[in-house]
């Protein structure tokens, strides 16, 4: 539960404190702790014609990452700029999104990506965030391997096995 403190009474909006119940996690838009986020796009209801036209499978695309940047919007802009010019699966996916939604600039694409991004958890240290991110990527890759409806956009992550009790085991 995120609560704005009464300390914000005489502060400008950019200096508001955001409190999660234990500690202050944001001042204005500035993140104070590293976080792990999920970017998810659901194209399961996309028509076959559009799917074929834009080269997007009718599936759920997921990207898991961590950020220690100023805020999530800054991280998304950096990620988009880095990947859109590359000829990898993320770059092709971003170009397809731009064509499909008729975005004219990266700013419109960044807003769309921000709307489809959710913070999973905040951490005290960067090492904890990276460890959790790698674990979630591994689980996501395993789910992609065993499902026709999930596409993992990440390239890193370890291998995962499922034990007899149904728990994930990282190699």
N, C-alpha and C. Protein backbone atom coordinates (compact mmCIF):
# COMPACT_ATOMS: atom_id res chain seq x y z
N UNK A 1 0.83 -1.17 0.00
CA UNK A 1 0.00 0.00 0.00
C UNK A 1 0.88 1.24 0.00
N UNK A 2 0.71 2.10 -0.97
CA UNK A 2 1.50 3.33 -1.09
C UNK A 2 0.67 4.48 -0.57
N UNK A 3 1.26 5.27 0.32
CA UNK A 3 0.56 6.37 0.98
C UNK A 3 1.38 7.64 0.82
N UNK A 4 0.73 8.76 0.56
CA UNK A 4 1.42 10.03 0.59
C UNK A 4 1.34 10.57 2.01
N UNK A 5 2.48 11.00 2.53
CA UNK A 5 2.57 11.47 3.90
C UNK A 5 1.99 12.87 4.05
N UNK A 6 1.62 13.22 5.27
CA UNK A 6 1.16 14.58 5.56
C UNK A 6 2.30 15.58 5.46
N UNK A 7 3.53 15.09 5.38
CA UNK A 7 4.67 15.98 5.20
C UNK A 7 4.60 16.72 3.87
N UNK A 8 3.71 16.29 2.97
CA UNK A 8 3.60 16.88 1.64
C UNK A 8 2.74 18.13 1.62
N UNK A 9 2.20 18.51 2.76
CA UNK A 9 1.24 19.62 2.81
C UNK A 9 1.79 20.91 2.20
N UNK A 10 3.02 21.24 2.48
CA UNK A 10 3.59 22.50 2.01
C UNK A 10 4.68 22.28 0.96
N UNK A 11 4.68 21.13 0.31
CA UNK A 11 5.70 20.82 -0.69
C UNK A 11 5.11 20.92 -2.09
N UNK A 12 5.97 21.21 -3.04
CA UNK A 12 5.53 21.18 -4.42
C UNK A 12 5.36 19.72 -4.84
N UNK A 13 4.66 19.49 -5.93
CA UNK A 13 4.37 18.11 -6.35
C UNK A 13 5.64 17.33 -6.64
N UNK A 14 6.66 18.00 -7.18
CA UNK A 14 7.89 17.28 -7.52
C UNK A 14 8.69 16.87 -6.28
N UNK A 15 8.35 17.42 -5.11
CA UNK A 15 9.06 17.07 -3.88
C UNK A 15 8.21 16.24 -2.92
N UNK A 16 7.06 15.72 -3.36
CA UNK A 16 6.22 14.90 -2.49
C UNK A 16 6.93 13.60 -2.13
N UNK A 17 6.76 13.19 -0.91
CA UNK A 17 7.26 11.89 -0.46
C UNK A 17 6.20 10.83 -0.71
N UNK A 18 6.61 9.67 -1.18
CA UNK A 18 5.69 8.54 -1.31
C UNK A 18 6.20 7.44 -0.39
N UNK A 19 5.32 6.98 0.47
CA UNK A 19 5.64 6.06 1.57
C UNK A 19 4.95 4.74 1.30
N UNK A 20 5.67 3.61 1.46
CA UNK A 20 5.07 2.29 1.20
C UNK A 20 4.63 1.57 2.46
N UNK A 21 4.68 2.21 3.59
CA UNK A 21 4.28 1.58 4.84
C UNK A 21 5.48 1.33 5.74
N UNK A 22 6.67 1.15 5.14
CA UNK A 22 7.88 0.93 5.91
C UNK A 22 8.88 2.06 5.77
N UNK A 23 9.00 2.60 4.57
CA UNK A 23 9.98 3.64 4.33
C UNK A 23 9.55 4.51 3.15
N UNK A 24 10.24 5.61 2.99
CA UNK A 24 9.98 6.48 1.84
C UNK A 24 10.63 5.84 0.62
N UNK A 25 9.85 5.63 -0.46
CA UNK A 25 10.39 4.97 -1.64
C UNK A 25 10.59 5.93 -2.81
N UNK A 26 9.90 7.06 -2.79
CA UNK A 26 10.05 8.04 -3.87
C UNK A 26 9.96 9.45 -3.31
N UNK A 27 10.73 10.34 -3.91
CA UNK A 27 10.57 11.77 -3.66
C UNK A 27 10.25 12.37 -5.01
N UNK A 28 9.01 12.79 -5.18
CA UNK A 28 8.55 13.24 -6.50
C UNK A 28 8.53 12.07 -7.45
N UNK A 29 9.34 12.13 -8.52
CA UNK A 29 9.44 11.01 -9.45
C UNK A 29 10.73 10.22 -9.24
N UNK A 30 11.61 10.66 -8.35
CA UNK A 30 12.89 10.00 -8.14
C UNK A 30 12.73 8.75 -7.27
N UNK A 31 13.14 7.61 -7.84
CA UNK A 31 13.14 6.35 -7.09
C UNK A 31 14.32 6.33 -6.14
N UNK A 32 14.10 5.95 -4.89
CA UNK A 32 15.18 5.91 -3.90
C UNK A 32 15.78 4.52 -3.75
N UNK A 33 15.09 3.50 -4.26
CA UNK A 33 15.56 2.13 -4.11
C UNK A 33 15.59 1.44 -5.47
N UNK A 34 16.52 0.49 -5.67
CA UNK A 34 16.49 -0.29 -6.92
C UNK A 34 15.20 -1.11 -6.97
N UNK A 35 14.73 -1.37 -8.19
CA UNK A 35 13.48 -2.09 -8.33
C UNK A 35 13.55 -3.10 -9.47
N UNK A 36 12.67 -4.08 -9.41
CA UNK A 36 12.50 -5.05 -10.48
C UNK A 36 11.13 -4.79 -11.08
N UNK A 37 11.07 -4.73 -12.42
CA UNK A 37 9.82 -4.40 -13.10
C UNK A 37 9.50 -5.44 -14.16
N UNK A 38 8.24 -5.45 -14.57
CA UNK A 38 7.75 -6.35 -15.61
C UNK A 38 7.06 -5.52 -16.67
N UNK A 39 7.47 -5.72 -17.92
CA UNK A 39 6.81 -5.11 -19.07
C UNK A 39 6.05 -6.23 -19.76
N UNK A 40 4.74 -6.10 -19.85
CA UNK A 40 3.92 -7.19 -20.39
C UNK A 40 2.95 -6.65 -21.44
N UNK A 41 2.91 -7.35 -22.58
CA UNK A 41 2.02 -7.00 -23.69
C UNK A 41 1.21 -8.22 -24.04
N UNK A 42 -0.10 -8.10 -24.00
CA UNK A 42 -0.99 -9.22 -24.28
C UNK A 42 -1.57 -9.07 -25.69
N UNK A 43 -1.09 -9.91 -26.60
CA UNK A 43 -1.59 -9.91 -27.98
C UNK A 43 -2.33 -11.20 -28.29
N UNK A 44 -2.91 -11.85 -27.29
CA UNK A 44 -3.62 -13.11 -27.53
C UNK A 44 -4.90 -12.90 -28.31
N UNK A 45 -5.47 -11.70 -28.25
CA UNK A 45 -6.72 -11.44 -28.98
C UNK A 45 -6.47 -10.73 -30.32
N UNK A 46 -5.22 -10.64 -30.74
CA UNK A 46 -4.87 -10.03 -32.02
C UNK A 46 -5.36 -10.91 -33.16
N UNK A 47 -5.89 -10.31 -34.20
CA UNK A 47 -6.40 -11.10 -35.33
C UNK A 47 -5.24 -11.77 -36.07
N UNK A 48 -5.57 -12.83 -36.77
CA UNK A 48 -4.55 -13.55 -37.53
C UNK A 48 -3.96 -12.63 -38.59
N UNK A 49 -4.80 -11.81 -39.23
CA UNK A 49 -4.34 -10.90 -40.29
C UNK A 49 -3.31 -9.90 -39.74
N UNK A 50 -3.63 -9.24 -38.61
CA UNK A 50 -2.70 -8.28 -38.02
C UNK A 50 -1.43 -8.97 -37.51
N UNK A 51 -1.60 -10.15 -36.95
CA UNK A 51 -0.46 -10.90 -36.46
C UNK A 51 0.52 -11.18 -37.59
N UNK A 52 0.01 -11.60 -38.70
CA UNK A 52 0.86 -11.91 -39.86
C UNK A 52 1.44 -10.63 -40.47
N UNK A 53 0.64 -9.57 -40.53
CA UNK A 53 1.06 -8.31 -41.15
C UNK A 53 2.22 -7.66 -40.39
N UNK A 54 2.13 -7.63 -39.07
CA UNK A 54 3.14 -6.95 -38.26
C UNK A 54 4.21 -7.87 -37.71
N UNK A 55 4.10 -9.17 -37.92
CA UNK A 55 5.11 -10.10 -37.44
C UNK A 55 5.10 -10.30 -35.94
N UNK A 56 3.94 -10.14 -35.32
CA UNK A 56 3.80 -10.32 -33.87
C UNK A 56 2.96 -11.56 -33.64
N UNK A 57 3.47 -12.51 -32.86
CA UNK A 57 2.71 -13.71 -32.54
C UNK A 57 1.53 -13.36 -31.65
N UNK A 58 0.50 -14.18 -31.72
CA UNK A 58 -0.64 -14.00 -30.82
C UNK A 58 -0.28 -14.67 -29.50
N UNK A 59 0.39 -13.90 -28.64
CA UNK A 59 0.90 -14.41 -27.38
C UNK A 59 1.07 -13.26 -26.40
N UNK A 60 1.56 -13.59 -25.21
CA UNK A 60 1.87 -12.60 -24.19
C UNK A 60 3.39 -12.40 -24.20
N UNK A 61 3.82 -11.18 -24.49
CA UNK A 61 5.25 -10.85 -24.50
C UNK A 61 5.60 -10.26 -23.14
N UNK A 62 6.72 -10.74 -22.57
CA UNK A 62 7.13 -10.26 -21.25
C UNK A 62 8.61 -9.91 -21.27
N UNK A 63 8.94 -8.83 -20.59
CA UNK A 63 10.33 -8.44 -20.38
C UNK A 63 10.48 -8.09 -18.91
N UNK A 64 11.46 -8.70 -18.27
CA UNK A 64 11.73 -8.46 -16.85
C UNK A 64 13.08 -7.77 -16.74
N UNK A 65 13.14 -6.73 -15.94
CA UNK A 65 14.39 -6.01 -15.77
C UNK A 65 14.49 -5.39 -14.40
N UNK A 66 15.67 -4.86 -14.12
CA UNK A 66 15.85 -4.12 -12.87
C UNK A 66 16.33 -2.72 -13.22
N UNK A 67 16.09 -1.79 -12.34
CA UNK A 67 16.50 -0.42 -12.59
C UNK A 67 17.01 0.22 -11.32
N UNK A 68 18.08 0.96 -11.49
CA UNK A 68 18.62 1.79 -10.42
C UNK A 68 18.70 3.22 -10.92
N UNK A 69 17.95 3.52 -11.99
CA UNK A 69 17.97 4.84 -12.61
C UNK A 69 17.14 5.83 -11.81
N UNK A 70 17.15 7.06 -12.28
CA UNK A 70 16.43 8.15 -11.61
C UNK A 70 14.95 7.82 -11.44
N UNK A 71 14.31 7.36 -12.51
CA UNK A 71 12.94 6.88 -12.42
C UNK A 71 12.67 5.91 -13.57
N UNK A 72 11.50 5.30 -13.56
CA UNK A 72 11.17 4.26 -14.54
C UNK A 72 11.03 4.83 -15.94
N UNK A 73 10.52 6.05 -16.07
CA UNK A 73 10.39 6.66 -17.40
C UNK A 73 11.76 6.87 -18.04
N UNK A 74 12.74 7.25 -17.24
CA UNK A 74 14.10 7.42 -17.74
C UNK A 74 14.67 6.08 -18.19
N UNK A 75 14.43 5.03 -17.43
CA UNK A 75 14.91 3.69 -17.78
C UNK A 75 14.28 3.21 -19.08
N UNK A 76 12.99 3.45 -19.27
CA UNK A 76 12.30 3.02 -20.48
C UNK A 76 12.85 3.76 -21.70
N UNK A 77 13.08 5.06 -21.57
CA UNK A 77 13.62 5.84 -22.68
C UNK A 77 15.01 5.33 -23.08
N UNK A 78 15.82 5.02 -22.08
CA UNK A 78 17.17 4.50 -22.34
C UNK A 78 17.09 3.13 -23.03
N UNK A 79 16.19 2.26 -22.57
CA UNK A 79 16.02 0.91 -23.12
C UNK A 79 15.53 0.99 -24.57
N UNK A 80 14.58 1.87 -24.84
CA UNK A 80 14.04 2.03 -26.19
C UNK A 80 15.10 2.53 -27.15
N UNK A 81 15.83 3.57 -26.74
CA UNK A 81 16.87 4.14 -27.59
C UNK A 81 17.95 3.11 -27.90
N UNK A 82 18.31 2.31 -26.93
CA UNK A 82 19.34 1.29 -27.10
C UNK A 82 18.89 0.19 -28.07
N UNK A 83 17.64 -0.25 -27.95
CA UNK A 83 17.20 -1.43 -28.68
C UNK A 83 16.55 -1.16 -30.04
N UNK A 84 16.00 0.00 -30.25
CA UNK A 84 15.24 0.22 -31.48
C UNK A 84 16.13 0.21 -32.72
N UNK A 85 17.39 0.56 -32.58
CA UNK A 85 18.28 0.56 -33.73
C UNK A 85 18.96 -0.79 -33.97
N UNK A 86 18.82 -1.70 -33.04
CA UNK A 86 19.44 -3.01 -33.19
C UNK A 86 18.54 -3.95 -33.99
N UNK A 87 19.15 -4.97 -34.55
CA UNK A 87 18.40 -5.93 -35.35
C UNK A 87 18.23 -7.24 -34.56
N UNK A 88 17.87 -7.12 -33.28
CA UNK A 88 17.60 -8.29 -32.46
C UNK A 88 16.09 -8.44 -32.26
N UNK A 89 15.67 -9.43 -31.47
CA UNK A 89 14.23 -9.66 -31.33
C UNK A 89 13.52 -8.52 -30.62
N UNK A 90 14.18 -7.83 -29.70
CA UNK A 90 13.55 -6.69 -29.02
C UNK A 90 13.41 -5.52 -30.00
N UNK A 91 14.45 -5.25 -30.78
CA UNK A 91 14.38 -4.18 -31.76
C UNK A 91 13.29 -4.42 -32.80
N UNK A 92 13.19 -5.64 -33.28
CA UNK A 92 12.14 -5.98 -34.25
C UNK A 92 10.75 -5.83 -33.62
N UNK A 93 10.63 -6.23 -32.36
CA UNK A 93 9.35 -6.12 -31.66
C UNK A 93 8.96 -4.65 -31.50
N UNK A 94 9.91 -3.79 -31.10
CA UNK A 94 9.62 -2.37 -30.92
C UNK A 94 9.23 -1.72 -32.25
N UNK A 95 9.92 -2.08 -33.32
CA UNK A 95 9.57 -1.54 -34.64
C UNK A 95 8.17 -1.99 -35.05
N UNK A 96 7.83 -3.24 -34.75
CA UNK A 96 6.49 -3.73 -35.06
C UNK A 96 5.42 -2.99 -34.26
N UNK A 97 5.71 -2.70 -32.99
CA UNK A 97 4.78 -1.92 -32.16
C UNK A 97 4.56 -0.53 -32.74
N UNK A 98 5.64 0.08 -33.20
CA UNK A 98 5.52 1.43 -33.77
C UNK A 98 4.67 1.41 -35.03
N UNK A 99 4.86 0.39 -35.87
CA UNK A 99 4.05 0.29 -37.09
C UNK A 99 2.60 -0.03 -36.78
N UNK A 100 2.38 -0.95 -35.84
CA UNK A 100 1.03 -1.39 -35.53
C UNK A 100 0.19 -0.27 -34.92
N UNK A 101 0.77 0.49 -33.99
CA UNK A 101 0.02 1.56 -33.32
C UNK A 101 0.21 2.92 -33.99
N UNK A 102 0.98 2.95 -35.08
CA UNK A 102 1.21 4.17 -35.86
C UNK A 102 1.82 5.29 -35.01
N UNK A 103 2.80 4.91 -34.17
CA UNK A 103 3.53 5.91 -33.38
C UNK A 103 4.46 6.68 -34.31
N UNK A 104 4.52 8.00 -34.13
CA UNK A 104 5.36 8.82 -34.99
C UNK A 104 6.70 9.16 -34.34
N UNK A 105 6.81 8.93 -33.04
CA UNK A 105 8.07 9.25 -32.35
C UNK A 105 8.33 8.24 -31.23
N UNK A 106 9.57 8.27 -30.78
CA UNK A 106 9.93 7.41 -29.66
C UNK A 106 9.21 7.83 -28.38
N UNK A 107 8.84 9.10 -28.28
CA UNK A 107 8.14 9.60 -27.09
C UNK A 107 6.79 8.89 -26.93
N UNK A 108 6.06 8.71 -28.03
CA UNK A 108 4.78 8.01 -27.98
C UNK A 108 4.98 6.54 -27.62
N UNK A 109 6.04 5.93 -28.18
CA UNK A 109 6.36 4.54 -27.85
C UNK A 109 6.72 4.40 -26.38
N UNK A 110 7.52 5.34 -25.85
CA UNK A 110 7.90 5.30 -24.44
C UNK A 110 6.70 5.40 -23.52
N UNK A 111 5.73 6.24 -23.87
CA UNK A 111 4.52 6.35 -23.06
C UNK A 111 3.74 5.04 -23.07
N UNK A 112 3.63 4.42 -24.25
CA UNK A 112 2.95 3.12 -24.36
C UNK A 112 3.66 2.06 -23.51
N UNK A 113 5.00 2.03 -23.57
CA UNK A 113 5.76 1.07 -22.77
C UNK A 113 5.60 1.33 -21.28
N UNK A 114 5.57 2.60 -20.88
CA UNK A 114 5.39 2.94 -19.47
C UNK A 114 4.02 2.50 -18.97
N UNK A 115 3.00 2.61 -19.83
CA UNK A 115 1.66 2.17 -19.44
C UNK A 115 1.58 0.66 -19.26
N UNK A 116 2.46 -0.09 -19.90
CA UNK A 116 2.45 -1.55 -19.81
C UNK A 116 3.55 -2.09 -18.90
N UNK A 117 4.11 -1.22 -18.06
CA UNK A 117 5.17 -1.61 -17.13
C UNK A 117 4.65 -1.52 -15.71
N UNK A 118 4.96 -2.55 -14.92
CA UNK A 118 4.57 -2.52 -13.51
C UNK A 118 5.77 -2.88 -12.65
N UNK A 119 5.87 -2.23 -11.50
CA UNK A 119 6.95 -2.49 -10.55
C UNK A 119 6.58 -3.73 -9.76
N UNK A 120 7.45 -4.74 -9.79
CA UNK A 120 7.19 -5.96 -9.03
C UNK A 120 7.61 -5.81 -7.57
N UNK A 121 8.83 -5.28 -7.36
CA UNK A 121 9.32 -5.16 -5.99
C UNK A 121 10.49 -4.19 -5.93
N UNK A 122 10.61 -3.49 -4.82
CA UNK A 122 11.75 -2.62 -4.56
C UNK A 122 12.69 -3.32 -3.58
N UNK A 123 13.99 -3.05 -3.72
CA UNK A 123 15.00 -3.72 -2.90
C UNK A 123 15.91 -2.70 -2.24
N UNK A 124 16.61 -3.16 -1.19
CA UNK A 124 17.55 -2.28 -0.51
C UNK A 124 18.88 -2.20 -1.24
N UNK A 125 19.29 -3.30 -1.89
CA UNK A 125 20.58 -3.32 -2.59
C UNK A 125 20.39 -3.73 -4.05
N UNK A 126 21.32 -3.30 -4.88
CA UNK A 126 21.29 -3.64 -6.30
C UNK A 126 21.51 -5.14 -6.50
N UNK A 127 22.35 -5.75 -5.67
CA UNK A 127 22.64 -7.18 -5.79
C UNK A 127 21.38 -8.02 -5.60
N UNK A 128 20.56 -7.66 -4.63
CA UNK A 128 19.30 -8.38 -4.41
C UNK A 128 18.37 -8.23 -5.60
N UNK A 129 18.33 -7.03 -6.17
CA UNK A 129 17.47 -6.79 -7.34
C UNK A 129 17.94 -7.61 -8.54
N UNK A 130 19.25 -7.67 -8.77
CA UNK A 130 19.79 -8.43 -9.90
C UNK A 130 19.54 -9.92 -9.71
N UNK A 131 19.71 -10.43 -8.49
CA UNK A 131 19.46 -11.85 -8.23
C UNK A 131 18.00 -12.21 -8.48
N UNK A 132 17.09 -11.37 -8.02
CA UNK A 132 15.66 -11.61 -8.24
C UNK A 132 15.32 -11.52 -9.72
N UNK A 133 15.89 -10.54 -10.41
CA UNK A 133 15.65 -10.40 -11.84
C UNK A 133 16.09 -11.66 -12.59
N UNK A 134 17.29 -12.17 -12.29
CA UNK A 134 17.79 -13.38 -12.97
C UNK A 134 16.90 -14.58 -12.70
N UNK A 135 16.41 -14.70 -11.48
CA UNK A 135 15.51 -15.80 -11.14
C UNK A 135 14.21 -15.70 -11.92
N UNK A 136 13.63 -14.51 -11.97
CA UNK A 136 12.36 -14.33 -12.69
C UNK A 136 12.54 -14.54 -14.20
N UNK A 137 13.67 -14.12 -14.75
CA UNK A 137 13.94 -14.36 -16.17
C UNK A 137 14.01 -15.85 -16.44
N UNK A 138 14.68 -16.58 -15.56
CA UNK A 138 14.80 -18.03 -15.72
C UNK A 138 13.44 -18.70 -15.69
N UNK A 139 12.60 -18.30 -14.76
CA UNK A 139 11.25 -18.87 -14.67
C UNK A 139 10.45 -18.51 -15.92
N UNK A 140 10.58 -17.28 -16.39
CA UNK A 140 9.87 -16.84 -17.58
C UNK A 140 10.32 -17.62 -18.82
N UNK A 141 11.63 -17.88 -18.94
CA UNK A 141 12.14 -18.68 -20.07
C UNK A 141 11.61 -20.11 -20.00
N UNK A 142 11.53 -20.66 -18.79
CA UNK A 142 11.01 -22.01 -18.64
C UNK A 142 9.54 -22.05 -19.05
N UNK A 143 8.77 -21.05 -18.65
CA UNK A 143 7.35 -20.98 -19.04
C UNK A 143 7.20 -20.83 -20.54
N UNK A 144 8.10 -20.07 -21.18
CA UNK A 144 8.05 -19.92 -22.64
C UNK A 144 8.32 -21.27 -23.31
N UNK A 145 9.25 -22.02 -22.76
CA UNK A 145 9.59 -23.32 -23.32
C UNK A 145 8.41 -24.29 -23.25
N UNK A 146 7.59 -24.17 -22.23
CA UNK A 146 6.49 -25.10 -22.02
C UNK A 146 5.12 -24.53 -22.39
N UNK A 147 5.07 -23.36 -23.01
CA UNK A 147 3.79 -22.75 -23.35
C UNK A 147 3.86 -22.15 -24.75
N UNK A 148 2.75 -22.17 -25.45
CA UNK A 148 2.68 -21.56 -26.77
C UNK A 148 2.27 -20.10 -26.70
N UNK A 149 1.89 -19.61 -25.52
CA UNK A 149 1.31 -18.29 -25.39
C UNK A 149 2.19 -17.28 -24.67
N UNK A 150 3.40 -17.64 -24.30
CA UNK A 150 4.29 -16.72 -23.59
C UNK A 150 5.57 -16.57 -24.39
N UNK A 151 5.99 -15.32 -24.59
CA UNK A 151 7.24 -15.02 -25.28
C UNK A 151 8.09 -14.18 -24.34
N UNK A 152 9.28 -14.67 -24.03
CA UNK A 152 10.22 -13.96 -23.16
C UNK A 152 11.14 -13.12 -24.04
N UNK A 153 11.18 -11.82 -23.82
CA UNK A 153 12.02 -10.93 -24.60
C UNK A 153 13.44 -10.83 -24.04
N UNK A 154 13.69 -11.38 -22.87
CA UNK A 154 15.02 -11.33 -22.27
C UNK A 154 15.94 -12.33 -22.94
N UNK A 155 17.23 -12.04 -22.87
CA UNK A 155 18.22 -12.98 -23.41
C UNK A 155 19.05 -13.61 -22.32
N UNK A 156 19.14 -13.00 -21.15
CA UNK A 156 19.95 -13.53 -20.05
C UNK A 156 19.11 -14.40 -19.14
N UNK A 157 19.74 -14.99 -18.14
CA UNK A 157 19.02 -15.81 -17.17
C UNK A 157 19.57 -17.23 -17.16
N UNK A 158 19.48 -17.90 -16.02
CA UNK A 158 19.96 -19.26 -15.92
C UNK A 158 18.91 -20.26 -16.33
N UNK A 159 19.28 -21.53 -16.26
CA UNK A 159 18.33 -22.59 -16.61
C UNK A 159 17.52 -22.97 -15.38
N UNK A 160 16.32 -23.45 -15.63
CA UNK A 160 15.39 -23.78 -14.55
C UNK A 160 14.85 -25.19 -14.75
N UNK A 161 14.67 -25.90 -13.64
CA UNK A 161 14.01 -27.20 -13.65
C UNK A 161 12.89 -27.16 -12.64
N UNK A 162 11.94 -28.06 -12.80
CA UNK A 162 10.84 -28.17 -11.84
C UNK A 162 11.03 -29.45 -11.05
N UNK A 163 10.97 -29.33 -9.72
CA UNK A 163 11.11 -30.52 -8.88
C UNK A 163 9.80 -31.30 -8.84
N UNK A 164 9.83 -32.45 -8.20
CA UNK A 164 8.63 -33.29 -8.09
C UNK A 164 7.54 -32.60 -7.27
N UNK A 165 7.95 -31.70 -6.37
CA UNK A 165 6.98 -30.97 -5.56
C UNK A 165 6.41 -29.77 -6.30
N UNK A 166 6.87 -29.51 -7.52
CA UNK A 166 6.36 -28.39 -8.30
C UNK A 166 7.08 -27.08 -8.04
N UNK A 167 8.27 -27.14 -7.43
CA UNK A 167 9.03 -25.93 -7.16
C UNK A 167 10.08 -25.71 -8.24
N UNK A 168 10.45 -24.44 -8.47
CA UNK A 168 11.47 -24.11 -9.44
C UNK A 168 12.86 -24.35 -8.83
N UNK A 169 13.75 -24.97 -9.59
CA UNK A 169 15.13 -25.20 -9.15
C UNK A 169 16.04 -24.56 -10.18
N UNK A 170 16.88 -23.62 -9.75
CA UNK A 170 17.83 -22.99 -10.66
C UNK A 170 19.09 -23.81 -10.73
N UNK A 171 19.65 -23.98 -11.93
CA UNK A 171 20.92 -24.71 -12.08
C UNK A 171 22.08 -23.79 -11.86
